[in-house]
Amino acid sequence: MRVAASVGDVLSRLNVKFPITSFRLSNMLTNNIRPLKDINDLAGPLPVSRLEGVKKTIAWLIDHKGYQIRR
């Protein structure tokens, strides 16, 4: 992946789109777990769970953006 990201870096400098760059790889490898207690205390209960939100987002992407789910 690091080699592919490096290739992506070079291609992006040439204005060629490539699915991975070092910046994206770094974001994918960064542990971004954040405590949500303070937000939950302030905002109260959320209208949907995280799982339900993911399901709704996937359904929206399929319905509005033409995404296809491969299984």
PDB file of N, CA and C in Angstrom:
ATOM      1  N   MET A   1       0.821  -1.189   0.000  1.00  0.00           N
ATOM      2  CA  MET A   1       0.000   0.000   0.000  1.00  0.00           C
ATOM      3  C   MET A   1       0.866   1.253   0.000  1.00  0.00           C
ATOM      4  N   ARG A   2       1.985   1.194   0.702  1.00  0.00           N
ATOM      5  CA  ARG A   2       2.856   2.379   0.723  1.00  0.00           C
ATOM      6  C   ARG A   2       3.412   2.680  -0.672  1.00  0.00           C
ATOM      7  N   VAL A   3       3.744   1.641  -1.412  1.00  0.00           N
ATOM      8  CA  VAL A   3       4.243   1.850  -2.770  1.00  0.00           C
ATOM      9  C   VAL A   3       3.136   2.445  -3.638  1.00  0.00           C
ATOM     10  N   ALA A   4       1.937   1.882  -3.526  1.00  0.00           N
ATOM     11  CA  ALA A   4       0.807   2.413  -4.297  1.00  0.00           C
ATOM     12  C   ALA A   4       0.539   3.869  -3.921  1.00  0.00           C
ATOM     13  N   ALA A   5       0.637   4.194  -2.632  1.00  0.00           N
ATOM     14  CA  ALA A   5       0.425   5.570  -2.183  1.00  0.00           C
ATOM     15  C   ALA A   5       1.493   6.495  -2.760  1.00  0.00           C
ATOM     16  N   SER A   6       2.717   6.023  -2.828  1.00  0.00           N
ATOM     17  CA  SER A   6       3.787   6.835  -3.418  1.00  0.00           C
ATOM     18  C   SER A   6       3.537   7.076  -4.902  1.00  0.00           C
ATOM     19  N   VAL A   7       3.080   6.044  -5.592  1.00  0.00           N
ATOM     20  CA  VAL A   7       2.715   6.209  -6.998  1.00  0.00           C
ATOM     21  C   VAL A   7       1.590   7.237  -7.114  1.00  0.00           C
ATOM     22  N   GLY A   8       0.624   7.133  -6.228  1.00  0.00           N
ATOM     23  CA  GLY A   8      -0.482   8.087  -6.215  1.00  0.00           C
ATOM     24  C   GLY A   8      -0.011   9.510  -5.981  1.00  0.00           C
ATOM     25  N   ASP A   9       0.982   9.689  -5.124  1.00  0.00           N
ATOM     26  CA  ASP A   9       1.542  11.026  -4.881  1.00  0.00           C
ATOM     27  C   ASP A   9       2.117  11.618  -6.170  1.00  0.00           C
ATOM     28  N   VAL A  10       2.884  10.806  -6.886  1.00  0.00           N
ATOM     29  CA  VAL A  10       3.494  11.276  -8.141  1.00  0.00           C
ATOM     30  C   VAL A  10       2.402  11.599  -9.154  1.00  0.00           C
ATOM     31  N   LEU A  11       1.426  10.701  -9.288  1.00  0.00           N
ATOM     32  CA  LEU A  11       0.356  10.925 -10.259  1.00  0.00           C
ATOM     33  C   LEU A  11      -0.478  12.154  -9.911  1.00  0.00           C
ATOM     34  N   SER A  12      -0.715  12.384  -8.623  1.00  0.00           N
ATOM     35  CA  SER A  12      -1.516  13.557  -8.239  1.00  0.00           C
ATOM     36  C   SER A  12      -0.791  14.856  -8.593  1.00  0.00           C
ATOM     37  N   ARG A  13       0.537  14.844  -8.534  1.00  0.00           N
ATOM     38  CA  ARG A  13       1.310  16.032  -8.942  1.00  0.00           C
ATOM     39  C   ARG A  13       1.186  16.280 -10.447  1.00  0.00           C
ATOM     40  N   LEU A  14       0.871  15.205 -11.172  1.00  0.00           N
ATOM     41  CA  LEU A  14       0.684  15.317 -12.625  1.00  0.00           C
ATOM     42  C   LEU A  14      -0.793  15.498 -12.983  1.00  0.00           C
ATOM     43  N   ASN A  15      -1.616  15.764 -11.953  1.00  0.00           N
ATOM     44  CA  ASN A  15      -3.060  15.936 -12.118  1.00  0.00           C
ATOM     45  C   ASN A  15      -3.754  14.695 -12.680  1.00  0.00           C
ATOM     46  N   VAL A  16      -3.239  13.525 -12.309  1.00  0.00           N
ATOM     47  CA  VAL A  16      -3.853  12.254 -12.687  1.00  0.00           C
ATOM     48  C   VAL A  16      -4.499  11.673 -11.432  1.00  0.00           C
ATOM     49  N   LYS A  17      -5.792  11.345 -11.537  1.00  0.00           N
ATOM     50  CA  LYS A  17      -6.489  10.794 -10.374  1.00  0.00           C
ATOM     51  C   LYS A  17      -6.042   9.360 -10.124  1.00  0.00           C
ATOM     52  N   PHE A  18      -5.822   9.053  -8.864  1.00  0.00           N
ATOM     53  CA  PHE A  18      -5.421   7.718  -8.435  1.00  0.00           C
ATOM     54  C   PHE A  18      -6.077   7.495  -7.078  1.00  0.00           C
ATOM     55  N   PRO A  19      -6.541   6.288  -6.791  1.00  0.00           N
ATOM     56  CA  PRO A  19      -7.360   6.088  -5.586  1.00  0.00           C
ATOM     57  C   PRO A  19      -6.649   6.221  -4.246  1.00  0.00           C
ATOM     58  N   ILE A  20      -5.327   6.176  -4.228  1.00  0.00           N
ATOM     59  CA  ILE A  20      -4.645   6.250  -2.935  1.00  0.00           C
ATOM     60  C   ILE A  20      -3.429   7.164  -3.045  1.00  0.00           C
ATOM     61  N   THR A  21      -3.227   7.967  -2.008  1.00  0.00           N
ATOM     62  CA  THR A  21      -2.037   8.801  -1.864  1.00  0.00           C
ATOM     63  C   THR A  21      -1.506   8.589  -0.449  1.00  0.00           C
ATOM     64  N   SER A  22      -0.336   9.109  -0.170  1.00  0.00           N
ATOM     65  CA  SER A  22       0.223   8.979   1.182  1.00  0.00           C
ATOM     66  C   SER A  22      -0.680   9.630   2.217  1.00  0.00           C
ATOM     67  N   PHE A  23      -1.295  10.755   1.848  1.00  0.00           N
ATOM     68  CA  PHE A  23      -2.204  11.440   2.769  1.00  0.00           C
ATOM     69  C   PHE A  23      -3.391  10.548   3.120  1.00  0.00           C
ATOM     70  N   ARG A  24      -3.995   9.936   2.106  1.00  0.00           N
ATOM     71  CA  ARG A  24      -5.140   9.047   2.347  1.00  0.00           C
ATOM     72  C   ARG A  24      -4.730   7.812   3.140  1.00  0.00           C
ATOM     73  N   LEU A  25      -3.587   7.250   2.802  1.00  0.00           N
ATOM     74  CA  LEU A  25      -3.111   6.078   3.534  1.00  0.00           C
ATOM     75  C   LEU A  25      -2.892   6.420   4.998  1.00  0.00           C
ATOM     76  N   SER A  26      -2.301   7.569   5.254  1.00  0.00           N
ATOM     77  CA  SER A  26      -2.082   8.000   6.636  1.00  0.00           C
ATOM     78  C   SER A  26      -3.413   8.130   7.380  1.00  0.00           C
ATOM     79  N   ASN A  27      -4.409   8.697   6.728  1.00  0.00           N
ATOM     80  CA  ASN A  27      -5.730   8.822   7.358  1.00  0.00           C
ATOM     81  C   ASN A  27      -6.330   7.457   7.650  1.00  0.00           C
ATOM     82  N   MET A  28      -6.126   6.502   6.754  1.00  0.00           N
ATOM     83  CA  MET A  28      -6.682   5.169   6.948  1.00  0.00           C
ATOM     84  C   MET A  28      -5.985   4.428   8.088  1.00  0.00           C
ATOM     85  N   LEU A  29      -4.728   4.741   8.332  1.00  0.00           N
ATOM     86  CA  LEU A  29      -3.955   4.038   9.362  1.00  0.00           C
ATOM     87  C   LEU A  29      -4.009   4.728  10.719  1.00  0.00           C
ATOM     88  N   THR A  30      -4.608   5.908  10.793  1.00  0.00           N
ATOM     89  CA  THR A  30      -4.676   6.663  12.041  1.00  0.00           C
ATOM     90  C   THR A  30      -5.845   6.187  12.881  1.00  0.00           C
ATOM     91  N   ASN A  31      -5.594   5.928  14.140  1.00  0.00           N
ATOM     92  CA  ASN A  31      -6.627   5.508  15.069  1.00  0.00           C
ATOM     93  C   ASN A  31      -7.372   6.761  15.547  1.00  0.00           C
ATOM     94  N   ASN A  32      -8.601   6.941  15.096  1.00  0.00           N
ATOM     95  CA  ASN A  32      -9.353   8.158  15.398  1.00  0.00           C
ATOM     96  C   ASN A  32     -10.515   7.911  16.360  1.00  0.00           C
ATOM     97  N   ILE A  33     -10.284   7.079  17.343  1.00  0.00           N
ATOM     98  CA  ILE A  33     -11.331   6.828  18.333  1.00  0.00           C
ATOM     99  C   ILE A  33     -11.416   8.043  19.254  1.00  0.00           C
ATOM    100  N   ARG A  34     -12.604   8.589  19.372  1.00  0.00           N
ATOM    101  CA  ARG A  34     -12.816   9.768  20.210  1.00  0.00           C
ATOM    102  C   ARG A  34     -13.923   9.480  21.220  1.00  0.00           C
ATOM    103  N   PRO A  35     -13.732   9.891  22.472  1.00  0.00           N
ATOM    104  CA  PRO A  35     -14.801   9.721  23.454  1.00  0.00           C
ATOM    105  C   PRO A  35     -15.969  10.661  23.130  1.00  0.00           C
ATOM    106  N   LEU A  36     -17.168  10.150  23.180  1.00  0.00           N
ATOM    107  CA  LEU A  36     -18.348  10.941  22.822  1.00  0.00           C
ATOM    108  C   LEU A  36     -19.216  11.311  24.029  1.00  0.00           C
ATOM    109  N   LYS A  37     -18.763  10.977  25.223  1.00  0.00           N
ATOM    110  CA  LYS A  37     -19.590  11.215  26.408  1.00  0.00           C
ATOM    111  C   LYS A  37     -19.992  12.682  26.542  1.00  0.00           C
ATOM    112  N   ASP A  38     -19.053  13.613  26.381  1.00  0.00           N
ATOM    113  CA  ASP A  38     -19.382  15.036  26.537  1.00  0.00           C
ATOM    114  C   ASP A  38     -20.419  15.481  25.508  1.00  0.00           C
ATOM    115  N   ILE A  39     -20.280  15.038  24.272  1.00  0.00           N
ATOM    116  CA  ILE A  39     -21.248  15.396  23.230  1.00  0.00           C
ATOM    117  C   ILE A  39     -22.609  14.789  23.544  1.00  0.00           C
ATOM    118  N   ASN A  40     -22.613  13.513  23.953  1.00  0.00           N
ATOM    119  CA  ASN A  40     -23.871  12.857  24.286  1.00  0.00           C
ATOM    120  C   ASN A  40     -24.546  13.531  25.482  1.00  0.00           C
ATOM    121  N   ASP A  41     -23.753  13.954  26.465  1.00  0.00           N
ATOM    122  CA  ASP A  41     -24.324  14.660  27.617  1.00  0.00           C
ATOM    123  C   ASP A  41     -24.955  15.983  27.186  1.00  0.00           C
ATOM    124  N   LEU A  42     -24.324  16.674  26.246  1.00  0.00           N
ATOM    125  CA  LEU A  42     -24.812  17.963  25.775  1.00  0.00           C
ATOM    126  C   LEU A  42     -26.019  17.815  24.849  1.00  0.00           C
ATOM    127  N   ALA A  43     -25.941  16.897  23.907  1.00  0.00           N
ATOM    128  CA  ALA A  43     -26.977  16.771  22.879  1.00  0.00           C
ATOM    129  C   ALA A  43     -28.127  15.855  23.275  1.00  0.00           C
ATOM    130  N   GLY A  44     -27.902  14.992  24.240  1.00  0.00           N
ATOM    131  CA  GLY A  44     -28.939  14.034  24.602  1.00  0.00           C
ATOM    132  C   GLY A  44     -28.921  12.841  23.668  1.00  0.00           C
ATOM    133  N   PRO A  45     -29.945  12.010  23.764  1.00  0.00           N
ATOM    134  CA  PRO A  45     -29.962  10.799  22.934  1.00  0.00           C
ATOM    135  C   PRO A  45     -30.018  11.138  21.451  1.00  0.00           C
ATOM    136  N   LEU A  46     -29.293  10.371  20.672  1.00  0.00           N
ATOM    137  CA  LEU A  46     -29.270  10.585  19.233  1.00  0.00           C
ATOM    138  C   LEU A  46     -30.526   9.993  18.593  1.00  0.00           C
ATOM    139  N   PRO A  47     -30.977  10.560  17.465  1.00  0.00           N
ATOM    140  CA  PRO A  47     -32.208  10.075  16.839  1.00  0.00           C
ATOM    141  C   PRO A  47     -32.070   8.682  16.226  1.00  0.00           C
ATOM    142  N   VAL A  48     -30.849   8.294  15.864  1.00  0.00           N
ATOM    143  CA  VAL A  48     -30.601   6.952  15.326  1.00  0.00           C
ATOM    144  C   VAL A  48     -29.271   6.443  15.872  1.00  0.00           C
ATOM    145  N   SER A  49     -29.122   5.137  15.903  1.00  0.00           N
ATOM    146  CA  SER A  49     -27.858   4.542  16.337  1.00  0.00           C
ATOM    147  C   SER A  49     -26.831   4.690  15.219  1.00  0.00           C
ATOM    148  N   ARG A  50     -25.579   4.437  15.552  1.00  0.00           N
ATOM    149  CA  ARG A  50     -24.527   4.497  14.540  1.00  0.00           C
ATOM    150  C   ARG A  50     -24.794   3.466  13.445  1.00  0.00           C
ATOM    151  N   LEU A  51     -25.205   2.264  13.823  1.00  0.00           N
ATOM    152  CA  LEU A  51     -25.489   1.221  12.845  1.00  0.00           C
ATOM    153  C   LEU A  51     -26.638   1.631  11.926  1.00  0.00           C
ATOM    154  N   GLU A  52     -27.697   2.191  12.490  1.00  0.00           N
ATOM    155  CA  GLU A  52     -28.819   2.641  11.663  1.00  0.00           C
ATOM    156  C   GLU A  52     -28.394   3.787  10.747  1.00  0.00           C
ATOM    157  N   GLY A  53     -27.547   4.668  11.231  1.00  0.00           N
ATOM    158  CA  GLY A  53     -27.042   5.760  10.403  1.00  0.00           C
ATOM    159  C   GLY A  53     -26.224   5.247   9.227  1.00  0.00           C
ATOM    160  N   VAL A  54     -25.406   4.229   9.470  1.00  0.00           N
ATOM    161  CA  VAL A  54     -24.618   3.634   8.381  1.00  0.00           C
ATOM    162  C   VAL A  54     -25.550   3.003   7.351  1.00  0.00           C
ATOM    163  N   LYS A  55     -26.562   2.273   7.822  1.00  0.00           N
ATOM    164  CA  LYS A  55     -27.519   1.637   6.905  1.00  0.00           C
ATOM    165  C   LYS A  55     -28.249   2.686   6.060  1.00  0.00           C
ATOM    166  N   LYS A  56     -28.666   3.778   6.684  1.00  0.00           N
ATOM    167  CA  LYS A  56     -29.363   4.837   5.945  1.00  0.00           C
ATOM    168  C   LYS A  56     -28.431   5.519   4.941  1.00  0.00           C
ATOM    169  N   THR A  57     -27.176   5.709   5.322  1.00  0.00           N
ATOM    170  CA  THR A  57     -26.215   6.329   4.409  1.00  0.00           C
ATOM    171  C   THR A  57     -25.972   5.436   3.200  1.00  0.00           C
ATOM    172  N   ILE A  58     -25.808   4.140   3.424  1.00  0.00           N
ATOM    173  CA  ILE A  58     -25.598   3.203   2.312  1.00  0.00           C
ATOM    174  C   ILE A  58     -26.811   3.189   1.398  1.00  0.00           C
ATOM    175  N   ALA A  59     -28.010   3.168   1.990  1.00  0.00           N
ATOM    176  CA  ALA A  59     -29.236   3.188   1.176  1.00  0.00           C
ATOM    177  C   ALA A  59     -29.312   4.464   0.341  1.00  0.00           C
ATOM    178  N   TRP A  60     -28.932   5.603   0.921  1.00  0.00           N
ATOM    179  CA  TRP A  60     -28.946   6.872   0.185  1.00  0.00           C
ATOM    180  C   TRP A  60     -27.952   6.835  -0.973  1.00  0.00           C
ATOM    181  N   LEU A  61     -26.750   6.311  -0.722  1.00  0.00           N
ATOM    182  CA  LEU A  61     -25.744   6.219  -1.783  1.00  0.00           C
ATOM    183  C   LEU A  61     -26.230   5.333  -2.928  1.00  0.00           C
ATOM    184  N   ILE A  62     -26.908   4.258  -2.608  1.00  0.00           N
ATOM    185  CA  ILE A  62     -27.450   3.370  -3.638  1.00  0.00           C
ATOM    186  C   ILE A  62     -28.547   4.077  -4.422  1.00  0.00           C
ATOM    187  N   ASP A  63     -29.474   4.717  -3.709  1.00  0.00           N
ATOM    188  CA  ASP A  63     -30.632   5.351  -4.350  1.00  0.00           C
ATOM    189  C   ASP A  63     -30.283   6.620  -5.125  1.00  0.00           C
ATOM    190  N   HIS A  64     -29.362   7.417  -4.616  1.00  0.00           N
ATOM    191  CA  HIS A  64     -29.103   8.729  -5.204  1.00  0.00           C
ATOM    192  C   HIS A  64     -27.807   8.838  -6.011  1.00  0.00           C
ATOM    193  N   LYS A  65     -26.871   7.962  -5.755  1.00  0.00           N
ATOM    194  CA  LYS A  65     -25.566   8.064  -6.422  1.00  0.00           C
ATOM    195  C   LYS A  65     -25.240   6.847  -7.275  1.00  0.00           C
ATOM    196  N   GLY A  66     -26.136   5.872  -7.299  1.00  0.00           N
ATOM    197  CA  GLY A  66     -25.932   4.715  -8.147  1.00  0.00           C
ATOM    198  C   GLY A  66     -24.890   3.723  -7.655  1.00  0.00           C
ATOM    199  N   TYR A  67     -24.534   3.811  -6.386  1.00  0.00           N
ATOM    200  CA  TYR A  67     -23.562   2.858  -5.851  1.00  0.00           C
ATOM    201  C   TYR A  67     -24.156   1.449  -5.907  1.00  0.00           C
ATOM    202  N   GLN A  68     -23.282   0.477  -6.072  1.00  0.00           N
ATOM    203  CA  GLN A  68     -23.690  -0.926  -6.080  1.00  0.00           C
ATOM    204  C   GLN A  68     -22.932  -1.661  -5.000  1.00  0.00           C
ATOM    205  N   ILE A  69     -23.630  -2.543  -4.337  1.00  0.00           N
ATOM    206  CA  ILE A  69     -23.013  -3.337  -3.268  1.00  0.00           C
ATOM    207  C   ILE A  69     -22.657  -4.696  -3.837  1.00  0.00           C
ATOM    208  N   ARG A  70     -21.389  -5.047  -3.736  1.00  0.00           N
ATOM    209  CA  ARG A  70     -20.924  -6.362  -4.197  1.00  0.00           C
ATOM    210  C   ARG A  70     -20.842  -7.289  -2.988  1.00  0.00           C
ATOM    211  N   ARG A  71     -21.311  -8.481  -3.168  1.00  0.00           N
ATOM    212  CA  ARG A  71     -21.241  -9.452  -2.059  1.00  0.00           C
ATOM    213  C   ARG A  71     -20.528 -10.690  -2.495  1.00  0.00           C
TER     214      ARG A  71
END
